[in-house]
Amino acid sequence: MSNLSKKHHFVPQFYQRGFASEDAELFGLKKKYGSIKKWNTAQILYKKDLHTVTFGQNKTLMIEEFYSGIEDQFCKYLKVLRENIHNPQIVGEFFKTEEFIKLMKVVVSFQFWRTPSKKN
């Protein structure tokens, strides 16, 4: 596995996109310089190798891939919700669905565990 992803987002990109402009840009403060800069979601809120696990000489992204797989499923629900945001019946049905509620709880709990401060 020589092409392991090194950028592991502690705020998932799907979540960041909810705050992005139509051009998929986010604005953030560069503290060091005291200026505002445009970013895309791939450029911010990540830490290199945050979830890379090393076993001897082997590296794996099993944790990052697990998070990604669950978040991909959650994004499918979000897509339908966004497309039907003005239809209260459809939105209401989501919150009656046990699978959606469980998935939402898992995604929220992941956010706690994937932060850099929880690594050590």
PDB file of N, CA and C in Angstrom:
ATOM      1  N   MET A   1       0.838  -1.188   0.000  1.00  0.00           N
ATOM      2  CA  MET A   1       0.000   0.000   0.000  1.00  0.00           C
ATOM      3  C   MET A   1       0.878   1.244   0.000  1.00  0.00           C
ATOM      4  N   SER A   2       1.373   1.626  -1.138  1.00  0.00           N
ATOM      5  CA  SER A   2       2.271   2.769  -1.202  1.00  0.00           C
ATOM      6  C   SER A   2       1.530   4.085  -1.408  1.00  0.00           C
ATOM      7  N   ASN A   3       0.277   4.056  -1.818  1.00  0.00           N
ATOM      8  CA  ASN A   3      -0.471   5.274  -2.083  1.00  0.00           C
ATOM      9  C   ASN A   3      -1.526   5.537  -1.018  1.00  0.00           C
ATOM     10  N   LEU A   4      -1.156   5.415   0.242  1.00  0.00           N
ATOM     11  CA  LEU A   4      -2.090   5.673   1.320  1.00  0.00           C
ATOM     12  C   LEU A   4      -2.394   7.164   1.406  1.00  0.00           C
ATOM     13  N   SER A   5      -3.653   7.495   1.600  1.00  0.00           N
ATOM     14  CA  SER A   5      -4.035   8.886   1.791  1.00  0.00           C
ATOM     15  C   SER A   5      -3.445   9.376   3.104  1.00  0.00           C
ATOM     16  N   LYS A   6      -2.892  10.541   3.086  1.00  0.00           N
ATOM     17  CA  LYS A   6      -2.293  11.091   4.297  1.00  0.00           C
ATOM     18  C   LYS A   6      -3.180  12.128   4.974  1.00  0.00           C
ATOM     19  N   LYS A   7      -4.062  12.776   4.206  1.00  0.00           N
ATOM     20  CA  LYS A   7      -4.931  13.804   4.764  1.00  0.00           C
ATOM     21  C   LYS A   7      -6.188  13.157   5.343  1.00  0.00           C
ATOM     22  N   HIS A   8      -6.276  13.163   6.650  1.00  0.00           N
ATOM     23  CA  HIS A   8      -7.433  12.592   7.327  1.00  0.00           C
ATOM     24  C   HIS A   8      -8.209  13.729   7.978  1.00  0.00           C
ATOM     25  N   HIS A   9      -9.381  14.010   7.436  1.00  0.00           N
ATOM     26  CA  HIS A   9     -10.187  15.126   7.912  1.00  0.00           C
ATOM     27  C   HIS A   9     -10.842  14.800   9.251  1.00  0.00           C
ATOM     28  N   PHE A  10     -10.649  15.681  10.215  1.00  0.00           N
ATOM     29  CA  PHE A  10     -11.325  15.500  11.495  1.00  0.00           C
ATOM     30  C   PHE A  10     -12.686  16.182  11.492  1.00  0.00           C
ATOM     31  N   VAL A  11     -12.943  17.037  10.529  1.00  0.00           N
ATOM     32  CA  VAL A  11     -14.297  17.507  10.219  1.00  0.00           C
ATOM     33  C   VAL A  11     -14.563  17.017   8.805  1.00  0.00           C
ATOM     34  N   PRO A  12     -15.464  16.039   8.665  1.00  0.00           N
ATOM     35  CA  PRO A  12     -15.671  15.411   7.351  1.00  0.00           C
ATOM     36  C   PRO A  12     -15.987  16.430   6.262  1.00  0.00           C
ATOM     37  N   GLN A  13     -15.521  16.131   5.074  1.00  0.00           N
ATOM     38  CA  GLN A  13     -15.740  17.040   3.952  1.00  0.00           C
ATOM     39  C   GLN A  13     -17.227  17.188   3.642  1.00  0.00           C
ATOM     40  N   PHE A  14     -18.009  16.136   3.796  1.00  0.00           N
ATOM     41  CA  PHE A  14     -19.450  16.268   3.522  1.00  0.00           C
ATOM     42  C   PHE A  14     -20.065  17.311   4.449  1.00  0.00           C
ATOM     43  N   TYR A  15     -19.580  17.386   5.679  1.00  0.00           N
ATOM     44  CA  TYR A  15     -20.100  18.362   6.639  1.00  0.00           C
ATOM     45  C   TYR A  15     -19.649  19.772   6.261  1.00  0.00           C
ATOM     46  N   GLN A  16     -18.396  19.902   5.887  1.00  0.00           N
ATOM     47  CA  GLN A  16     -17.863  21.202   5.467  1.00  0.00           C
ATOM     48  C   GLN A  16     -18.638  21.748   4.272  1.00  0.00           C
ATOM     49  N   ARG A  17     -18.992  20.867   3.341  1.00  0.00           N
ATOM     50  CA  ARG A  17     -19.697  21.306   2.122  1.00  0.00           C
ATOM     51  C   ARG A  17     -21.041  21.959   2.448  1.00  0.00           C
ATOM     52  N   GLY A  18     -21.612  21.615   3.586  1.00  0.00           N
ATOM     53  CA  GLY A  18     -22.874  22.231   3.998  1.00  0.00           C
ATOM     54  C   GLY A  18     -22.734  23.715   4.307  1.00  0.00           C
ATOM     55  N   PHE A  19     -21.503  24.180   4.499  1.00  0.00           N
ATOM     56  CA  PHE A  19     -21.232  25.581   4.801  1.00  0.00           C
ATOM     57  C   PHE A  19     -20.541  26.303   3.650  1.00  0.00           C
ATOM     58  N   ALA A  20     -20.268  25.600   2.580  1.00  0.00           N
ATOM     59  CA  ALA A  20     -19.524  26.168   1.461  1.00  0.00           C
ATOM     60  C   ALA A  20     -20.428  27.004   0.560  1.00  0.00           C
ATOM     61  N   SER A  21     -19.801  27.891  -0.194  1.00  0.00           N
ATOM     62  CA  SER A  21     -20.526  28.708  -1.168  1.00  0.00           C
ATOM     63  C   SER A  21     -20.929  27.835  -2.356  1.00  0.00           C
ATOM     64  N   GLU A  22     -21.651  28.436  -3.290  1.00  0.00           N
ATOM     65  CA  GLU A  22     -22.041  27.708  -4.499  1.00  0.00           C
ATOM     66  C   GLU A  22     -20.825  27.267  -5.305  1.00  0.00           C
ATOM     67  N   ASP A  23     -19.719  27.972  -5.140  1.00  0.00           N
ATOM     68  CA  ASP A  23     -18.466  27.623  -5.813  1.00  0.00           C
ATOM     69  C   ASP A  23     -17.654  26.613  -5.006  1.00  0.00           C
ATOM     70  N   ALA A  24     -18.257  26.033  -3.976  1.00  0.00           N
ATOM     71  CA  ALA A  24     -17.615  25.047  -3.095  1.00  0.00           C
ATOM     72  C   ALA A  24     -16.435  25.642  -2.335  1.00  0.00           C
ATOM     73  N   GLU A  25     -16.535  26.914  -1.997  1.00  0.00           N
ATOM     74  CA  GLU A  25     -15.470  27.576  -1.254  1.00  0.00           C
ATOM     75  C   GLU A  25     -15.919  27.870   0.178  1.00  0.00           C
ATOM     76  N   LEU A  26     -14.961  27.773   1.071  1.00  0.00           N
ATOM     77  CA  LEU A  26     -15.159  28.165   2.461  1.00  0.00           C
ATOM     78  C   LEU A  26     -14.205  29.311   2.757  1.00  0.00           C
ATOM     79  N   PHE A  27     -14.544  30.123   3.699  1.00  0.00           N
ATOM     80  CA  PHE A  27     -13.669  31.210   4.090  1.00  0.00           C
ATOM     81  C   PHE A  27     -13.193  30.946   5.502  1.00  0.00           C
ATOM     82  N   GLY A  28     -11.886  31.100   5.705  1.00  0.00           N
ATOM     83  CA  GLY A  28     -11.318  30.851   7.019  1.00  0.00           C
ATOM     84  C   GLY A  28     -10.275  31.884   7.370  1.00  0.00           C
ATOM     85  N   LEU A  29     -10.124  32.078   8.658  1.00  0.00           N
ATOM     86  CA  LEU A  29      -9.139  33.020   9.169  1.00  0.00           C
ATOM     87  C   LEU A  29      -7.781  32.341   9.258  1.00  0.00           C
ATOM     88  N   LYS A  30      -6.788  32.971   8.689  1.00  0.00           N
ATOM     89  CA  LYS A  30      -5.399  32.532   8.859  1.00  0.00           C
ATOM     90  C   LYS A  30      -4.856  33.303  10.052  1.00  0.00           C
ATOM     91  N   LYS A  31      -4.876  32.648  11.212  1.00  0.00           N
ATOM     92  CA  LYS A  31      -4.488  33.326  12.454  1.00  0.00           C
ATOM     93  C   LYS A  31      -3.103  33.949  12.376  1.00  0.00           C
ATOM     94  N   LYS A  32      -2.169  33.203  11.823  1.00  0.00           N
ATOM     95  CA  LYS A  32      -0.786  33.663  11.769  1.00  0.00           C
ATOM     96  C   LYS A  32      -0.666  35.016  11.068  1.00  0.00           C
ATOM     97  N   TYR A  33      -1.477  35.234  10.029  1.00  0.00           N
ATOM     98  CA  TYR A  33      -1.382  36.460   9.235  1.00  0.00           C
ATOM     99  C   TYR A  33      -2.551  37.413   9.473  1.00  0.00           C
ATOM    100  N   GLY A  34      -3.556  36.975  10.219  1.00  0.00           N
ATOM    101  CA  GLY A  34      -4.706  37.826  10.499  1.00  0.00           C
ATOM    102  C   GLY A  34      -5.527  38.162   9.274  1.00  0.00           C
ATOM    103  N   SER A  35      -5.594  37.227   8.334  1.00  0.00           N
ATOM    104  CA  SER A  35      -6.331  37.494   7.099  1.00  0.00           C
ATOM    105  C   SER A  35      -7.329  36.369   6.822  1.00  0.00           C
ATOM    106  N   ILE A  36      -8.291  36.698   6.000  1.00  0.00           N
ATOM    107  CA  ILE A  36      -9.309  35.735   5.571  1.00  0.00           C
ATOM    108  C   ILE A  36      -8.879  35.173   4.224  1.00  0.00           C
ATOM    109  N   LYS A  37      -9.050  33.867   4.052  1.00  0.00           N
ATOM    110  CA  LYS A  37      -8.648  33.233   2.800  1.00  0.00           C
ATOM    111  C   LYS A  37      -9.741  32.267   2.354  1.00  0.00           C
ATOM    112  N   LYS A  38      -9.845  32.085   1.032  1.00  0.00           N
ATOM    113  CA  LYS A  38     -10.764  31.082   0.474  1.00  0.00           C
ATOM    114  C   LYS A  38     -10.076  29.723   0.494  1.00  0.00           C
ATOM    115  N   TRP A  39     -10.835  28.703   0.830  1.00  0.00           N
ATOM    116  CA  TRP A  39     -10.338  27.333   0.853  1.00  0.00           C
ATOM    117  C   TRP A  39     -11.369  26.425   0.214  1.00  0.00           C
ATOM    118  N   ASN A  40     -10.935  25.250  -0.223  1.00  0.00           N
ATOM    119  CA  ASN A  40     -11.910  24.212  -0.555  1.00  0.00           C
ATOM    120  C   ASN A  40     -11.808  23.157   0.549  1.00  0.00           C
ATOM    121  N   THR A  41     -12.748  22.258   0.595  1.00  0.00           N
ATOM    122  CA  THR A  41     -12.828  21.323   1.720  1.00  0.00           C
ATOM    123  C   THR A  41     -11.641  20.372   1.807  1.00  0.00           C
ATOM    124  N   ALA A  42     -10.954  20.142   0.717  1.00  0.00           N
ATOM    125  CA  ALA A  42      -9.792  19.254   0.751  1.00  0.00           C
ATOM    126  C   ALA A  42      -8.596  19.913   1.435  1.00  0.00           C
ATOM    127  N   GLN A  43      -8.614  21.240   1.545  1.00  0.00           N
ATOM    128  CA  GLN A  43      -7.455  21.975   2.044  1.00  0.00           C
ATOM    129  C   GLN A  43      -7.468  22.254   3.543  1.00  0.00           C
ATOM    130  N   ILE A  44      -8.576  22.008   4.208  1.00  0.00           N
ATOM    131  CA  ILE A  44      -8.664  22.414   5.617  1.00  0.00           C
ATOM    132  C   ILE A  44      -9.222  21.308   6.498  1.00  0.00           C
ATOM    133  N   LEU A  45      -9.047  21.498   7.790  1.00  0.00           N
ATOM    134  CA  LEU A  45      -9.608  20.644   8.842  1.00  0.00           C
ATOM    135  C   LEU A  45      -9.193  19.185   8.699  1.00  0.00           C
ATOM    136  N   TYR A  46      -7.914  18.997   8.462  1.00  0.00           N
ATOM    137  CA  TYR A  46      -7.351  17.653   8.405  1.00  0.00           C
ATOM    138  C   TYR A  46      -6.032  17.627   9.162  1.00  0.00           C
ATOM    139  N   LYS A  47      -5.601  16.426   9.474  1.00  0.00           N
ATOM    140  CA  LYS A  47      -4.280  16.224  10.063  1.00  0.00           C
ATOM    141  C   LYS A  47      -3.650  15.041   9.343  1.00  0.00           C
ATOM    142  N   LYS A  48      -2.406  15.186   8.972  1.00  0.00           N
ATOM    143  CA  LYS A  48      -1.726  14.107   8.251  1.00  0.00           C
ATOM    144  C   LYS A  48      -1.634  12.858   9.119  1.00  0.00           C
ATOM    145  N   ASP A  49      -2.007  11.733   8.512  1.00  0.00           N
ATOM    146  CA  ASP A  49      -1.908  10.410   9.133  1.00  0.00           C
ATOM    147  C   ASP A  49      -2.620  10.299  10.474  1.00  0.00           C
ATOM    148  N   LEU A  50      -3.671  11.070  10.665  1.00  0.00           N
ATOM    149  CA  LEU A  50      -4.399  11.046  11.941  1.00  0.00           C
ATOM    150  C   LEU A  50      -4.891   9.646  12.297  1.00  0.00           C
ATOM    151  N   HIS A  51      -5.382   8.905  11.299  1.00  0.00           N
ATOM    152  CA  HIS A  51      -5.938   7.572  11.565  1.00  0.00           C
ATOM    153  C   HIS A  51      -5.151   6.451  10.899  1.00  0.00           C
ATOM    154  N   THR A  52      -3.927   6.721  10.511  1.00  0.00           N
ATOM    155  CA  THR A  52      -3.092   5.666   9.945  1.00  0.00           C
ATOM    156  C   THR A  52      -2.643   4.758  11.091  1.00  0.00           C
ATOM    157  N   VAL A  53      -2.834   3.461  10.908  1.00  0.00           N
ATOM    158  CA  VAL A  53      -2.436   2.478  11.914  1.00  0.00           C
ATOM    159  C   VAL A  53      -1.258   1.694  11.343  1.00  0.00           C
ATOM    160  N   THR A  54      -0.208   1.547  12.148  1.00  0.00           N
ATOM    161  CA  THR A  54       0.985   0.825  11.720  1.00  0.00           C
ATOM    162  C   THR A  54       1.119  -0.468  12.508  1.00  0.00           C
ATOM    163  N   PHE A  55       1.265  -1.567  11.781  1.00  0.00           N
ATOM    164  CA  PHE A  55       1.531  -2.879  12.359  1.00  0.00           C
ATOM    165  C   PHE A  55       2.887  -3.324  11.825  1.00  0.00           C
ATOM    166  N   GLY A  56       3.924  -3.199  12.624  1.00  0.00           N
ATOM    167  CA  GLY A  56       5.266  -3.546  12.141  1.00  0.00           C
ATOM    168  C   GLY A  56       5.647  -2.637  10.993  1.00  0.00           C
ATOM    169  N   GLN A  57       5.865  -3.241   9.826  1.00  0.00           N
ATOM    170  CA  GLN A  57       6.233  -2.480   8.623  1.00  0.00           C
ATOM    171  C   GLN A  57       5.015  -2.081   7.787  1.00  0.00           C
ATOM    172  N   ASN A  58       3.842  -2.561   8.153  1.00  0.00           N
ATOM    173  CA  ASN A  58       2.638  -2.331   7.354  1.00  0.00           C
ATOM    174  C   ASN A  58       1.802  -1.188   7.915  1.00  0.00           C
ATOM    175  N   LYS A  59       1.289  -0.379   6.998  1.00  0.00           N
ATOM    176  CA  LYS A  59       0.385   0.700   7.377  1.00  0.00           C
ATOM    177  C   LYS A  59      -0.988   0.404   6.801  1.00  0.00           C
ATOM    178  N   THR A  60      -2.013   0.790   7.536  1.00  0.00           N
ATOM    179  CA  THR A  60      -3.376   0.597   7.060  1.00  0.00           C
ATOM    180  C   THR A  60      -4.224   1.823   7.375  1.00  0.00           C
ATOM    181  N   LEU A  61      -5.213   2.003   6.566  1.00  0.00           N
ATOM    182  CA  LEU A  61      -6.178   3.091   6.755  1.00  0.00           C
ATOM    183  C   LEU A  61      -7.529   2.545   7.199  1.00  0.00           C
ATOM    184  N   MET A  62      -7.532   1.417   7.881  1.00  0.00           N
ATOM    185  CA  MET A  62      -8.796   0.755   8.206  1.00  0.00           C
ATOM    186  C   MET A  62      -9.756   1.662   8.970  1.00  0.00           C
ATOM    187  N   ILE A  63      -9.252   2.488   9.861  1.00  0.00           N
ATOM    188  CA  ILE A  63     -10.138   3.376  10.621  1.00  0.00           C
ATOM    189  C   ILE A  63     -10.702   4.450   9.703  1.00  0.00           C
ATOM    190  N   GLU A  64      -9.844   5.088   8.925  1.00  0.00           N
ATOM    191  CA  GLU A  64     -10.293   6.131   7.995  1.00  0.00           C
ATOM    192  C   GLU A  64     -11.284   5.562   6.981  1.00  0.00           C
ATOM    193  N   GLU A  65     -11.035   4.384   6.469  1.00  0.00           N
ATOM    194  CA  GLU A  65     -11.931   3.747   5.505  1.00  0.00           C
ATOM    195  C   GLU A  65     -13.271   3.393   6.157  1.00  0.00           C
ATOM    196  N   PHE A  66     -13.232   2.973   7.407  1.00  0.00           N
ATOM    197  CA  PHE A  66     -14.472   2.669   8.129  1.00  0.00           C
ATOM    198  C   PHE A  66     -15.319   3.930   8.284  1.00  0.00           C
ATOM    199  N   TYR A  67     -14.703   5.016   8.751  1.00  0.00           N
ATOM    200  CA  TYR A  67     -15.417   6.286   8.866  1.00  0.00           C
ATOM    201  C   TYR A  67     -16.014   6.693   7.523  1.00  0.00           C
ATOM    202  N   SER A  68     -15.222   6.588   6.479  1.00  0.00           N
ATOM    203  CA  SER A  68     -15.653   6.989   5.147  1.00  0.00           C
ATOM    204  C   SER A  68     -16.850   6.175   4.669  1.00  0.00           C
ATOM    205  N   GLY A  69     -16.819   4.872   4.902  1.00  0.00           N
ATOM    206  CA  GLY A  69     -17.929   4.016   4.480  1.00  0.00           C
ATOM    207  C   GLY A  69     -19.236   4.380   5.160  1.00  0.00           C
ATOM    208  N   ILE A  70     -19.182   4.629   6.463  1.00  0.00           N
ATOM    209  CA  ILE A  70     -20.392   5.017   7.205  1.00  0.00           C
ATOM    210  C   ILE A  70     -20.872   6.387   6.739  1.00  0.00           C
ATOM    211  N   GLU A  71     -19.945   7.319   6.561  1.00  0.00           N
ATOM    212  CA  GLU A  71     -20.328   8.663   6.125  1.00  0.00           C
ATOM    213  C   GLU A  71     -20.903   8.656   4.714  1.00  0.00           C
ATOM    214  N   ASP A  72     -20.421   7.778   3.854  1.00  0.00           N
ATOM    215  CA  ASP A  72     -20.990   7.656   2.506  1.00  0.00           C
ATOM    216  C   ASP A  72     -22.458   7.257   2.583  1.00  0.00           C
ATOM    217  N   GLN A  73     -22.786   6.342   3.479  1.00  0.00           N
ATOM    218  CA  GLN A  73     -24.184   5.928   3.646  1.00  0.00           C
ATOM    219  C   GLN A  73     -25.023   7.092   4.174  1.00  0.00           C
ATOM    220  N   PHE A  74     -24.484   7.823   5.129  1.00  0.00           N
ATOM    221  CA  PHE A  74     -25.193   8.966   5.690  1.00  0.00           C
ATOM    222  C   PHE A  74     -25.428  10.027   4.623  1.00  0.00           C
ATOM    223  N   CYS A  75     -24.466  10.221   3.733  1.00  0.00           N
ATOM    224  CA  CYS A  75     -24.595  11.215   2.665  1.00  0.00           C
ATOM    225  C   CYS A  75     -25.749  10.894   1.714  1.00  0.00           C
ATOM    226  N   LYS A  76     -26.035   9.618   1.549  1.00  0.00           N
ATOM    227  CA  LYS A  76     -27.186   9.242   0.707  1.00  0.00           C
ATOM    228  C   LYS A  76     -28.480   9.775   1.308  1.00  0.00           C
ATOM    229  N   TYR A  77     -28.611   9.655   2.628  1.00  0.00           N
ATOM    230  CA  TYR A  77     -29.776  10.218   3.308  1.00  0.00           C
ATOM    231  C   TYR A  77     -29.789  11.744   3.178  1.00  0.00           C
ATOM    232  N   LEU A  78     -28.643  12.362   3.371  1.00  0.00           N
ATOM    233  CA  LEU A  78     -28.568  13.821   3.289  1.00  0.00           C
ATOM    234  C   LEU A  78     -28.975  14.340   1.915  1.00  0.00           C
ATOM    235  N   LYS A  79     -28.576  13.620   0.886  1.00  0.00           N
ATOM    236  CA  LYS A  79     -28.931  14.031  -0.479  1.00  0.00           C
ATOM    237  C   LYS A  79     -30.443  14.060  -0.647  1.00  0.00           C
ATOM    238  N   VAL A  80     -31.105  13.017  -0.191  1.00  0.00           N
ATOM    239  CA  VAL A  80     -32.576  12.962  -0.295  1.00  0.00           C
ATOM    240  C   VAL A  80     -33.199  14.053   0.571  1.00  0.00           C
ATOM    241  N   LEU A  81     -32.661  14.270   1.771  1.00  0.00           N
ATOM    242  CA  LEU A  81     -33.187  15.329   2.637  1.00  0.00           C
ATOM    243  C   LEU A  81     -33.051  16.703   1.977  1.00  0.00           C
ATOM    244  N   ARG A  82     -31.893  16.966   1.398  1.00  0.00           N
ATOM    245  CA  ARG A  82     -31.687  18.272   0.756  1.00  0.00           C
ATOM    246  C   ARG A  82     -32.621  18.475  -0.430  1.00  0.00           C
ATOM    247  N   GLU A  83     -32.849  17.407  -1.176  1.00  0.00           N
ATOM    248  CA  GLU A  83     -33.733  17.493  -2.340  1.00  0.00           C
ATOM    249  C   GLU A  83     -35.190  17.691  -1.936  1.00  0.00           C
ATOM    250  N   ASN A  84     -35.533  17.321  -0.720  1.00  0.00           N
ATOM    251  CA  ASN A  84     -36.928  17.384  -0.259  1.00  0.00           C
ATOM    252  C   ASN A  84     -37.107  18.270   0.963  1.00  0.00           C
ATOM    253  N   ILE A  85     -36.201  19.195   1.167  1.00  0.00           N
ATOM    254  CA  ILE A  85     -36.206  20.010   2.375  1.00  0.00           C
ATOM    255  C   ILE A  85     -37.513  20.790   2.564  1.00  0.00           C
ATOM    256  N   HIS A  86     -38.199  21.093   1.483  1.00  0.00           N
ATOM    257  CA  HIS A  86     -39.446  21.847   1.569  1.00  0.00           C
ATOM    258  C   HIS A  86     -40.674  20.946   1.611  1.00  0.00           C
ATOM    259  N   ASN A  87     -40.447  19.656   1.775  1.00  0.00           N
ATOM    260  CA  ASN A  87     -41.555  18.702   1.883  1.00  0.00           C
ATOM    261  C   ASN A  87     -41.535  18.103   3.292  1.00  0.00           C
ATOM    262  N   PRO A  88     -42.299  18.698   4.216  1.00  0.00           N
ATOM    263  CA  PRO A  88     -42.229  18.258   5.617  1.00  0.00           C
ATOM    264  C   PRO A  88     -42.625  16.795   5.830  1.00  0.00           C
ATOM    265  N   GLN A  89     -43.449  16.250   4.942  1.00  0.00           N
ATOM    266  CA  GLN A  89     -43.839  14.847   5.105  1.00  0.00           C
ATOM    267  C   GLN A  89     -42.643  13.918   4.904  1.00  0.00           C
ATOM    268  N   ILE A  90     -41.879  14.159   3.860  1.00  0.00           N
ATOM    269  CA  ILE A  90     -40.722  13.309   3.582  1.00  0.00           C
ATOM    270  C   ILE A  90     -39.670  13.483   4.666  1.00  0.00           C
ATOM    271  N   VAL A  91     -39.406  14.721   5.043  1.00  0.00           N
ATOM    272  CA  VAL A  91     -38.419  14.985   6.086  1.00  0.00           C
ATOM    273  C   VAL A  91     -38.864  14.323   7.390  1.00  0.00           C
ATOM    274  N   GLY A  92     -40.115  14.424   7.719  1.00  0.00           N
ATOM    275  CA  GLY A  92     -40.652  13.802   8.936  1.00  0.00           C
ATOM    276  C   GLY A  92     -40.501  12.291   8.934  1.00  0.00           C
ATOM    277  N   GLU A  93     -40.641  11.684   7.775  1.00  0.00           N
ATOM    278  CA  GLU A  93     -40.498  10.229   7.679  1.00  0.00           C
ATOM    279  C   GLU A  93     -39.073   9.773   8.005  1.00  0.00           C
ATOM    280  N   PHE A  94     -38.098  10.571   7.633  1.00  0.00           N
ATOM    281  CA  PHE A  94     -36.706  10.227   7.952  1.00  0.00           C
ATOM    282  C   PHE A  94     -36.523  10.065   9.451  1.00  0.00           C
ATOM    283  N   PHE A  95     -37.116  10.970  10.206  1.00  0.00           N
ATOM    284  CA  PHE A  95     -36.913  10.956  11.653  1.00  0.00           C
ATOM    285  C   PHE A  95     -37.773   9.910  12.354  1.00  0.00           C
ATOM    286  N   LYS A  96     -38.563   9.198  11.590  1.00  0.00           N
ATOM    287  CA  LYS A  96     -39.300   8.046  12.117  1.00  0.00           C
ATOM    288  C   LYS A  96     -38.609   6.733  11.746  1.00  0.00           C
ATOM    289  N   THR A  97     -37.579   6.833  10.907  1.00  0.00           N
ATOM    290  CA  THR A  97     -36.886   5.653  10.406  1.00  0.00           C
ATOM    291  C   THR A  97     -35.762   5.269  11.359  1.00  0.00           C
ATOM    292  N   GLU A  98     -35.852   4.067  11.918  1.00  0.00           N
ATOM    293  CA  GLU A  98     -34.869   3.594  12.882  1.00  0.00           C
ATOM    294  C   GLU A  98     -33.451   3.577  12.303  1.00  0.00           C
ATOM    295  N   GLU A  99     -33.308   3.166  11.038  1.00  0.00           N
ATOM    296  CA  GLU A  99     -31.989   3.102  10.417  1.00  0.00           C
ATOM    297  C   GLU A  99     -31.344   4.480  10.333  1.00  0.00           C
ATOM    298  N   PHE A 100     -32.147   5.500   9.966  1.00  0.00           N
ATOM    299  CA  PHE A 100     -31.620   6.859   9.866  1.00  0.00           C
ATOM    300  C   PHE A 100     -31.192   7.371  11.234  1.00  0.00           C
ATOM    301  N   ILE A 101     -32.005   7.148  12.243  1.00  0.00           N
ATOM    302  CA  ILE A 101     -31.692   7.614  13.598  1.00  0.00           C
ATOM    303  C   ILE A 101     -30.401   6.958  14.093  1.00  0.00           C
ATOM    304  N   LYS A 102     -30.258   5.655  13.892  1.00  0.00           N
ATOM    305  CA  LYS A 102     -29.043   4.957  14.317  1.00  0.00           C
ATOM    306  C   LYS A 102     -27.818   5.490  13.572  1.00  0.00           C
ATOM    307  N   LEU A 103     -27.959   5.660  12.278  1.00  0.00           N
ATOM    308  CA  LEU A 103     -26.848   6.154  11.464  1.00  0.00           C
ATOM    309  C   LEU A 103     -26.450   7.563  11.881  1.00  0.00           C
ATOM    310  N   MET A 104     -27.426   8.390  12.177  1.00  0.00           N
ATOM    311  CA  MET A 104     -27.159   9.752  12.612  1.00  0.00           C
ATOM    312  C   MET A 104     -26.390   9.734  13.942  1.00  0.00           C
ATOM    313  N   LYS A 105     -26.767   8.871  14.841  1.00  0.00           N
ATOM    314  CA  LYS A 105     -26.072   8.764  16.130  1.00  0.00           C
ATOM    315  C   LYS A 105     -24.638   8.291  15.947  1.00  0.00           C
ATOM    316  N   VAL A 106     -24.429   7.357  15.042  1.00  0.00           N
ATOM    317  CA  VAL A 106     -23.078   6.862  14.773  1.00  0.00           C
ATOM    318  C   VAL A 106     -22.210   7.977  14.205  1.00  0.00           C
ATOM    319  N   VAL A 107     -22.730   8.730  13.244  1.00  0.00           N
ATOM    320  CA  VAL A 107     -21.962   9.808  12.630  1.00  0.00           C
ATOM    321  C   VAL A 107     -21.596  10.868  13.673  1.00  0.00           C
ATOM    322  N   VAL A 108     -22.529  11.186  14.559  1.00  0.00           N
ATOM    323  CA  VAL A 108     -22.243  12.164  15.619  1.00  0.00           C
ATOM    324  C   VAL A 108     -21.175  11.618  16.566  1.00  0.00           C
ATOM    325  N   SER A 109     -21.262  10.352  16.929  1.00  0.00           N
ATOM    326  CA  SER A 109     -20.247   9.779  17.831  1.00  0.00           C
ATOM    327  C   SER A 109     -18.885   9.711  17.150  1.00  0.00           C
ATOM    328  N   PHE A 110     -18.855   9.441  15.853  1.00  0.00           N
ATOM    329  CA  PHE A 110     -17.586   9.451  15.116  1.00  0.00           C
ATOM    330  C   PHE A 110     -16.907  10.808  15.242  1.00  0.00           C
ATOM    331  N   GLN A 111     -17.700  11.858  15.177  1.00  0.00           N
ATOM    332  CA  GLN A 111     -17.117  13.193  15.240  1.00  0.00           C
ATOM    333  C   GLN A 111     -16.351  13.383  16.541  1.00  0.00           C
ATOM    334  N   PHE A 112     -16.829  12.815  17.616  1.00  0.00           N
ATOM    335  CA  PHE A 112     -16.113  12.890  18.889  1.00  0.00           C
ATOM    336  C   PHE A 112     -14.787  12.143  18.804  1.00  0.00           C
ATOM    337  N   TRP A 113     -14.803  10.931  18.263  1.00  0.00           N
ATOM    338  CA  TRP A 113     -13.616  10.086  18.271  1.00  0.00           C
ATOM    339  C   TRP A 113     -12.591  10.440  17.201  1.00  0.00           C
ATOM    340  N   ARG A 114     -12.998  11.119  16.161  1.00  0.00           N
ATOM    341  CA  ARG A 114     -12.050  11.389  15.075  1.00  0.00           C
ATOM    342  C   ARG A 114     -11.264  12.675  15.262  1.00  0.00           C
ATOM    343  N   THR A 115     -11.507  13.408  16.328  1.00  0.00           N
ATOM    344  CA  THR A 115     -10.763  14.652  16.540  1.00  0.00           C
ATOM    345  C   THR A 115      -9.323  14.354  16.945  1.00  0.00           C
ATOM    346  N   PRO A 116      -8.398  15.221  16.565  1.00  0.00           N
ATOM    347  CA  PRO A 116      -6.985  14.986  16.885  1.00  0.00           C
ATOM    348  C   PRO A 116      -6.711  14.820  18.377  1.00  0.00           C
ATOM    349  N   SER A 117      -7.481  15.480  19.233  1.00  0.00           N
ATOM    350  CA  SER A 117      -7.229  15.385  20.673  1.00  0.00           C
ATOM    351  C   SER A 117      -7.547  14.007  21.231  1.00  0.00           C
ATOM    352  N   LYS A 118      -8.275  13.180  20.516  1.00  0.00           N
ATOM    353  CA  LYS A 118      -8.621  11.824  20.982  1.00  0.00           C
ATOM    354  C   LYS A 118      -7.628  10.776  20.522  1.00  0.00           C
ATOM    355  N   LYS A 119      -6.629  11.174  19.773  1.00  0.00           N
ATOM    356  CA  LYS A 119      -5.663  10.201  19.252  1.00  0.00           C
ATOM    357  C   LYS A 119      -4.779   9.608  20.346  1.00  0.00           C
ATOM    358  N   ASN A 120      -4.371  10.395  21.298  1.00  0.00           N
ATOM    359  CA  ASN A 120      -3.451   9.915  22.325  1.00  0.00           C
ATOM    360  C   ASN A 120      -4.162   9.399  23.545  1.00  0.00           C
TER     361      ASN A 120
END
